[in-house]
Every structure is written in structure tokens, then in C-alpha cells.
């Protein structure tokens, strides 16, 4: 009798544990899906022409891309004036970026855009051509973010004048998607959920 009762109790406990594990897994999957959705928004911004055109590799050459330049998605061309940022990434040893790029945008369509401290991003922050998974792993590595952790990256996106230019790029250019505030919110939500990366 006792053995039968123990068996029934154990079976009930196993069923309850199993149901709890299934529920926990479902919540984990939902949480992971939400986090990956938040990352998807962040990636859409970071991979947009307003960002990747200056987050370029060690050739130090800014790009032009996107429909504003009559280029298909994924296509790019070197900066039309054949500019190089040089090793300093700001052109100081050839033609300084600031020779054309002032503190504010030109009012002419496709005129020189402007923002404070106009320059290419450091080479370790190259984003051009990176997949979602690769860029996700990269921004979690302080060695590839100028020493910034995710909280510092969120602050950088929300407050750096040159970054904010991406949502106000001047006439004739498509702005980055969403807004700086939405991007920061998505980045924080993704980080708080453990910053999962897509496969």
C-alpha cells in the first residue's frame, strides 16, 4: 500500500516537474525570441548605410551605399571624391574630413553632411559586410568596441553627436531606421536578456 502510494506520488511529482520544465522552456524560448527580435532592430541600424559607410576596414576608405546613391541593397561604392581617412581615420595627413564636412549638414541635396568630430570609426569597429551573428559577437567584445561594454555602447548611441547624425543625415539621404531612443531601448532590452546572438 505504502509502496503504491509512493509510486503514485512520485509519478505526480514527475508530471509536475515535467510540466514546470516545459513551462520554463517555453518562457525561455519566448524570452530568447524577444531578445533576438530586439537584436534584429539593433542590427538593422548598425548595418544601415548611415553606419557602415564609416565603419570600414583597414583600407581607410569611406563608402557610399543605399538607395540615396542609386545603389541596390548590399552594393556600395568608394566615396566619390576618392578620399582616404588614412591611418588616423580622419584624413589629417592628406585631405582632412573637416575640409568638406562641417559641424552641420549642407542644406543642398547630397551636399556634404556634417557633424562634430567627423571621421571614420576605428578600424577594430569595422562593420561593413558583417553578418548579424558576426556583428552581434563583435559588439560584445570590448577589444572591438574601443573598450566599451554594452551599457557604454547604449550611451554612445544615445548621446554621441556623430552617431546621432545617422538619424538626421541631411537632404537626399535616407536616415537610419527607428530612432536613437528606440535603438537604445532595443539594445538595453537585448543586453538585459543576456545578449543572445543569432546562429
C-alpha atoms as a PDB file:
ATOM      1  CA  UNK A   1       0.000   0.000   0.000  1.00  0.00           C
ATOM      2  CA  UNK A   2       2.736   2.440   1.023  1.00  0.00           C
ATOM      3  CA  UNK A   3       4.779   1.455  -1.986  1.00  0.00           C
ATOM      4  CA  UNK A   4       1.782   2.028  -4.280  1.00  0.00           C
ATOM      5  CA  UNK A   5       1.131   5.422  -2.700  1.00  0.00           C
ATOM      6  CA  UNK A   6       4.785   6.382  -3.049  1.00  0.00           C
ATOM      7  CA  UNK A   7       4.675   5.330  -6.687  1.00  0.00           C
ATOM      8  CA  UNK A   8       1.603   7.460  -7.364  1.00  0.00           C
ATOM      9  CA  UNK A   9       3.126  10.410  -5.514  1.00  0.00           C
ATOM     10  CA  UNK A  10       6.384  10.084  -7.384  1.00  0.00           C
ATOM     11  CA  UNK A  11       4.533   9.904 -10.689  1.00  0.00           C
ATOM     12  CA  UNK A  12       2.595  13.059  -9.790  1.00  0.00           C
ATOM     13  CA  UNK A  13       5.812  14.798  -8.772  1.00  0.00           C
ATOM     14  CA  UNK A  14       7.496  13.780 -12.027  1.00  0.00           C
ATOM     15  CA  UNK A  15       4.498  15.053 -14.022  1.00  0.00           C
ATOM     16  CA  UNK A  16       4.514  18.333 -12.094  1.00  0.00           C
ATOM     17  CA  UNK A  17       8.264  18.723 -12.615  1.00  0.00           C
ATOM     18  CA  UNK A  18       7.891  17.891 -16.294  1.00  0.00           C
ATOM     19  CA  UNK A  19       5.109  20.465 -16.700  1.00  0.00           C
ATOM     20  CA  UNK A  20       7.234  23.038 -14.867  1.00  0.00           C
ATOM     21  CA  UNK A  21      10.225  22.333 -17.114  1.00  0.00           C
ATOM     22  CA  UNK A  22       8.057  22.615 -20.237  1.00  0.00           C
ATOM     23  CA  UNK A  23       6.667  25.940 -18.996  1.00  0.00           C
ATOM     24  CA  UNK A  24      10.156  27.205 -18.104  1.00  0.00           C
ATOM     25  CA  UNK A  25      11.473  26.177 -21.515  1.00  0.00           C
ATOM     26  CA  UNK A  26       8.540  27.914 -23.234  1.00  0.00           C
ATOM     27  CA  UNK A  27       9.253  31.087 -21.259  1.00  0.00           C
ATOM     28  CA  UNK A  28      12.957  30.812 -22.097  1.00  0.00           C
ATOM     29  CA  UNK A  29      12.194  30.388 -25.804  1.00  0.00           C
ATOM     30  CA  UNK A  30       9.779  33.325 -25.733  1.00  0.00           C
ATOM     31  CA  UNK A  31      12.361  35.423 -23.885  1.00  0.00           C
ATOM     32  CA  UNK A  32      15.046  34.390 -26.338  1.00  0.00           C
ATOM     33  CA  UNK A  33      12.789  35.171 -29.295  1.00  0.00           C
ATOM     34  CA  UNK A  34      12.043  38.627 -27.853  1.00  0.00           C
ATOM     35  CA  UNK A  35      15.751  39.259 -27.232  1.00  0.00           C
ATOM     36  CA  UNK A  36      16.674  38.185 -30.769  1.00  0.00           C
ATOM     37  CA  UNK A  37      13.932  40.454 -32.103  1.00  0.00           C
ATOM     38  CA  UNK A  38      15.485  43.343 -30.153  1.00  0.00           C
ATOM     39  CA  UNK A  39      18.907  42.434 -31.542  1.00  0.00           C
ATOM     40  CA  UNK A  40      17.375  42.378 -35.042  1.00  0.00           C
ATOM     41  CA  UNK A  41      16.391  46.034 -34.629  1.00  0.00           C
ATOM     42  CA  UNK A  42      19.865  46.954 -33.411  1.00  0.00           C
ATOM     43  CA  UNK A  43      21.468  45.085 -36.318  1.00  0.00           C
ATOM     44  CA  UNK A  44      19.163  46.840 -38.784  1.00  0.00           C
ATOM     45  CA  UNK A  45      20.579  50.140 -37.543  1.00  0.00           C
ATOM     46  CA  UNK A  46      24.236  49.109 -37.278  1.00  0.00           C
ATOM     47  CA  UNK A  47      24.211  47.562 -40.764  1.00  0.00           C
ATOM     48  CA  UNK A  48      22.452  50.558 -42.349  1.00  0.00           C
ATOM     49  CA  UNK A  49      24.462  52.738 -44.772  1.00  0.00           C
ATOM     50  CA  UNK A  50      24.434  55.644 -42.305  1.00  0.00           C
ATOM     51  CA  UNK A  51      26.590  53.486 -40.021  1.00  0.00           C
ATOM     52  CA  UNK A  52      28.570  51.060 -42.176  1.00  0.00           C
ATOM     53  CA  UNK A  53      29.710  53.699 -44.678  1.00  0.00           C
ATOM     54  CA  UNK A  54      32.119  54.948 -41.990  1.00  0.00           C
ATOM     55  CA  UNK A  55      32.657  51.645 -40.134  1.00  0.00           C
ATOM     56  CA  UNK A  56      35.016  50.429 -42.851  1.00  0.00           C
ATOM     57  CA  UNK A  57      38.078  48.132 -42.935  1.00  0.00           C
ATOM     58  CA  UNK A  58      41.760  48.957 -42.882  1.00  0.00           C
ATOM     59  CA  UNK A  59      41.759  50.422 -46.405  1.00  0.00           C
ATOM     60  CA  UNK A  60      40.540  53.582 -44.590  1.00  0.00           C
ATOM     61  CA  UNK A  61      38.174  54.480 -47.414  1.00  0.00           C
ATOM     62  CA  UNK A  62      34.634  55.612 -46.635  1.00  0.00           C
ATOM     63  CA  UNK A  63      31.837  54.133 -48.718  1.00  0.00           C
ATOM     64  CA  UNK A  64      28.630  55.325 -50.269  1.00  0.00           C
ATOM     65  CA  UNK A  65      25.726  52.899 -50.297  1.00  0.00           C
ATOM     66  CA  UNK A  66      21.969  52.662 -50.223  1.00  0.00           C
ATOM     67  CA  UNK A  67      19.134  53.937 -52.410  1.00  0.00           C
ATOM     68  CA  UNK A  68      20.147  57.555 -51.774  1.00  0.00           C
ATOM     69  CA  UNK A  69      23.098  56.816 -54.052  1.00  0.00           C
ATOM     70  CA  UNK A  70      21.084  54.701 -56.523  1.00  0.00           C
ATOM     71  CA  UNK A  71      22.780  51.550 -55.277  1.00  0.00           C
ATOM     72  CA  UNK A  72      20.929  48.301 -54.617  1.00  0.00           C
ATOM     73  CA  UNK A  73      20.892  46.800 -51.142  1.00  0.00           C
ATOM     74  CA  UNK A  74      24.301  45.335 -50.373  1.00  0.00           C
ATOM     75  CA  UNK A  75      26.035  47.341 -53.110  1.00  0.00           C
ATOM     76  CA  UNK A  76      28.494  50.096 -52.286  1.00  0.00           C
ATOM     77  CA  UNK A  77      30.979  52.385 -53.969  1.00  0.00           C
ATOM     78  CA  UNK A  78      34.023  54.163 -52.609  1.00  0.00           C
ATOM     79  CA  UNK A  79      33.498  57.784 -51.545  1.00  0.00           C
ATOM     80  CA  UNK A  80      33.004  59.784 -54.738  1.00  0.00           C
ATOM     81  CA  UNK A  81      35.983  62.044 -54.132  1.00  0.00           C
ATOM     82  CA  UNK A  82      38.344  59.046 -53.762  1.00  0.00           C
ATOM     83  CA  UNK A  83      39.031  60.012 -50.162  1.00  0.00           C
ATOM     84  CA  UNK A  84      41.116  58.070 -47.658  1.00  0.00           C
ATOM     85  CA  UNK A  85      40.929  58.679 -43.934  1.00  0.00           C
ATOM     86  CA  UNK A  86      44.495  57.466 -43.535  1.00  0.00           C
ATOM     87  CA  UNK A  87      45.810  55.611 -40.519  1.00  0.00           C
ATOM     88  CA  UNK A  88      44.340  58.285 -38.233  1.00  0.00           C
ATOM     89  CA  UNK A  89      40.938  57.731 -39.908  1.00  0.00           C
ATOM     90  CA  UNK A  90      40.262  61.495 -40.150  1.00  0.00           C
ATOM     91  CA  UNK A  91      42.276  62.378 -43.269  1.00  0.00           C
ATOM     92  CA  UNK A  92      44.650  64.700 -41.425  1.00  0.00           C
ATOM     93  CA  UNK A  93      47.669  63.592 -43.485  1.00  0.00           C
ATOM     94  CA  UNK A  94      46.000  64.049 -46.875  1.00  0.00           C
ATOM     95  CA  UNK A  95      42.674  65.876 -47.047  1.00  0.00           C
ATOM     96  CA  UNK A  96      41.110  66.255 -43.637  1.00  0.00           C
ATOM     97  CA  UNK A  97      37.488  65.098 -43.435  1.00  0.00           C
ATOM     98  CA  UNK A  98      36.713  68.502 -41.918  1.00  0.00           C
ATOM     99  CA  UNK A  99      37.823  70.201 -45.156  1.00  0.00           C
ATOM    100  CA  UNK A 100      34.371  69.358 -46.543  1.00  0.00           C
ATOM    101  CA  UNK A 101      32.417  68.016 -43.581  1.00  0.00           C
ATOM    102  CA  UNK A 102      31.444  70.916 -41.345  1.00  0.00           C
ATOM    103  CA  UNK A 103      29.749  70.825 -37.946  1.00  0.00           C
ATOM    104  CA  UNK A 104      26.308  70.677 -39.598  1.00  0.00           C
ATOM    105  CA  UNK A 105      24.760  69.330 -42.791  1.00  0.00           C
ATOM    106  CA  UNK A 106      24.817  71.288 -46.014  1.00  0.00           C
ATOM    107  CA  UNK A 107      21.327  72.445 -46.968  1.00  0.00           C
ATOM    108  CA  UNK A 108      21.825  71.247 -50.544  1.00  0.00           C
ATOM    109  CA  UNK A 109      20.583  67.772 -51.516  1.00  0.00           C
ATOM    110  CA  UNK A 110      23.571  65.434 -51.295  1.00  0.00           C
ATOM    111  CA  UNK A 111      25.734  68.323 -50.159  1.00  0.00           C
ATOM    112  CA  UNK A 112      28.459  67.484 -47.643  1.00  0.00           C
ATOM    113  CA  UNK A 113      26.901  66.092 -44.472  1.00  0.00           C
ATOM    114  CA  UNK A 114      28.241  67.409 -41.220  1.00  0.00           C
ATOM    115  CA  UNK A 115      28.505  66.707 -37.525  1.00  0.00           C
ATOM    116  CA  UNK A 116      31.114  67.315 -34.829  1.00  0.00           C
ATOM    117  CA  UNK A 117      34.352  65.282 -34.995  1.00  0.00           C
ATOM    118  CA  UNK A 118      33.641  63.838 -38.476  1.00  0.00           C
ATOM    119  CA  UNK A 119      35.874  60.788 -39.005  1.00  0.00           C
ATOM    120  CA  UNK A 120      35.856  57.095 -39.771  1.00  0.00           C
ATOM    121  CA  UNK A 121      35.248  54.717 -36.882  1.00  0.00           C
ATOM    122  CA  UNK A 122      38.384  52.967 -35.548  1.00  0.00           C
ATOM    123  CA  UNK A 123      39.381  50.005 -37.694  1.00  0.00           C
ATOM    124  CA  UNK A 124      38.602  47.466 -34.942  1.00  0.00           C
ATOM    125  CA  UNK A 125      34.995  48.634 -35.266  1.00  0.00           C
ATOM    126  CA  UNK A 126      34.666  47.592 -38.906  1.00  0.00           C
ATOM    127  CA  UNK A 127      31.025  46.653 -39.548  1.00  0.00           C
ATOM    128  CA  UNK A 128      30.864  46.779 -43.340  1.00  0.00           C
ATOM    129  CA  UNK A 129      29.705  43.425 -44.722  1.00  0.00           C
ATOM    130  CA  UNK A 130      29.302  41.749 -41.310  1.00  0.00           C
ATOM    131  CA  UNK A 131      26.512  39.220 -40.812  1.00  0.00           C
ATOM    132  CA  UNK A 132      24.101  39.611 -37.923  1.00  0.00           C
ATOM    133  CA  UNK A 133      25.844  36.832 -35.967  1.00  0.00           C
ATOM    134  CA  UNK A 134      29.321  38.276 -36.587  1.00  0.00           C
ATOM    135  CA  UNK A 135      28.363  41.824 -35.644  1.00  0.00           C
ATOM    136  CA  UNK A 136      26.490  40.562 -32.581  1.00  0.00           C
ATOM    137  CA  UNK A 137      29.609  38.799 -31.313  1.00  0.00           C
ATOM    138  CA  UNK A 138      31.764  41.792 -32.207  1.00  0.00           C
ATOM    139  CA  UNK A 139      29.877  44.405 -30.187  1.00  0.00           C
ATOM    140  CA  UNK A 140      30.048  42.184 -27.106  1.00  0.00           C
ATOM    141  CA  UNK A 141      33.857  42.162 -27.305  1.00  0.00           C
ATOM    142  CA  UNK A 142      35.376  45.302 -25.697  1.00  0.00           C
ATOM    143  CA  UNK A 143      38.542  44.743 -27.751  1.00  0.00           C
ATOM    144  CA  UNK A 144      36.436  45.532 -30.827  1.00  0.00           C
ATOM    145  CA  UNK A 145      34.373  48.383 -29.360  1.00  0.00           C
ATOM    146  CA  UNK A 146      37.028  50.785 -28.160  1.00  0.00           C
ATOM    147  CA  UNK A 147      36.757  49.289 -24.682  1.00  0.00           C
ATOM    148  CA  UNK A 148      33.025  49.904 -24.393  1.00  0.00           C
ATOM    149  CA  UNK A 149      30.701  47.404 -22.740  1.00  0.00           C
ATOM    150  CA  UNK A 150      27.058  47.204 -23.849  1.00  0.00           C
ATOM    151  CA  UNK A 151      25.947  49.913 -21.401  1.00  0.00           C
ATOM    152  CA  UNK A 152      28.620  52.251 -22.757  1.00  0.00           C
ATOM    153  CA  UNK A 153      27.593  51.432 -26.333  1.00  0.00           C
ATOM    154  CA  UNK A 154      23.985  52.305 -25.474  1.00  0.00           C
ATOM    155  CA  UNK A 155      25.169  55.621 -24.026  1.00  0.00           C
ATOM    156  CA  UNK A 156      27.342  56.230 -27.097  1.00  0.00           C
ATOM    157  CA  UNK A 157      24.392  55.659 -29.451  1.00  0.00           C
ATOM    158  CA  UNK A 158      22.129  57.866 -27.380  1.00  0.00           C
ATOM    159  CA  UNK A 159      24.483  60.822 -26.900  1.00  0.00           C
ATOM    160  CA  UNK A 160      27.347  60.987 -29.417  1.00  0.00           C
ATOM    161  CA  UNK A 161      26.665  63.798 -31.896  1.00  0.00           C
ATOM    162  CA  UNK A 162      28.247  61.988 -34.834  1.00  0.00           C
ATOM    163  CA  UNK A 163      26.222  58.827 -34.140  1.00  0.00           C
ATOM    164  CA  UNK A 164      23.019  60.866 -33.799  1.00  0.00           C
ATOM    165  CA  UNK A 165      23.717  62.361 -37.227  1.00  0.00           C
ATOM    166  CA  UNK A 166      22.661  58.969 -38.665  1.00  0.00           C
ATOM    167  CA  UNK A 167      19.034  59.879 -37.944  1.00  0.00           C
ATOM    168  CA  UNK A 168      19.430  63.398 -39.366  1.00  0.00           C
ATOM    169  CA  UNK A 169      21.729  62.914 -42.376  1.00  0.00           C
ATOM    170  CA  UNK A 170      20.666  65.939 -44.388  1.00  0.00           C
ATOM    171  CA  UNK A 171      18.624  66.295 -47.568  1.00  0.00           C
ATOM    172  CA  UNK A 172      18.835  63.473 -50.102  1.00  0.00           C
ATOM    173  CA  UNK A 173      19.956  60.731 -47.696  1.00  0.00           C
ATOM    174  CA  UNK A 174      17.884  58.009 -46.043  1.00  0.00           C
ATOM    175  CA  UNK A 175      18.181  58.137 -42.240  1.00  0.00           C
ATOM    176  CA  UNK A 176      18.939  55.092 -40.148  1.00  0.00           C
ATOM    177  CA  UNK A 177      15.780  53.146 -39.196  1.00  0.00           C
ATOM    178  CA  UNK A 178      13.814  53.605 -35.970  1.00  0.00           C
ATOM    179  CA  UNK A 179      15.244  56.412 -33.786  1.00  0.00           C
ATOM    180  CA  UNK A 180      18.200  56.723 -31.447  1.00  0.00           C
ATOM    181  CA  UNK A 181      15.872  56.255 -28.467  1.00  0.00           C
ATOM    182  CA  UNK A 182      14.287  53.114 -29.955  1.00  0.00           C
ATOM    183  CA  UNK A 183      17.687  51.718 -30.818  1.00  0.00           C
ATOM    184  CA  UNK A 184      18.994  52.315 -27.302  1.00  0.00           C
ATOM    185  CA  UNK A 185      15.856  50.718 -25.816  1.00  0.00           C
ATOM    186  CA  UNK A 186      16.245  47.647 -28.038  1.00  0.00           C
ATOM    187  CA  UNK A 187      19.947  47.385 -27.205  1.00  0.00           C
ATOM    188  CA  UNK A 188      19.273  47.582 -23.459  1.00  0.00           C
ATOM    189  CA  UNK A 189      16.425  45.046 -23.634  1.00  0.00           C
ATOM    190  CA  UNK A 190      18.651  42.669 -25.623  1.00  0.00           C
ATOM    191  CA  UNK A 191      21.515  43.139 -23.169  1.00  0.00           C
ATOM    192  CA  UNK A 192      19.247  42.618 -20.144  1.00  0.00           C
ATOM    193  CA  UNK A 193      18.030  39.354 -21.690  1.00  0.00           C
ATOM    194  CA  UNK A 194      21.584  38.019 -21.836  1.00  0.00           C
ATOM    195  CA  UNK A 195      22.559  39.444 -25.259  1.00  0.00           C
ATOM    196  CA  UNK A 196      21.941  36.257 -27.257  1.00  0.00           C
ATOM    197  CA  UNK A 197      23.314  36.129 -30.792  1.00  0.00           C
ATOM    198  CA  UNK A 198      21.625  34.528 -33.791  1.00  0.00           C
ATOM    199  CA  UNK A 199      23.056  31.305 -35.227  1.00  0.00           C
END
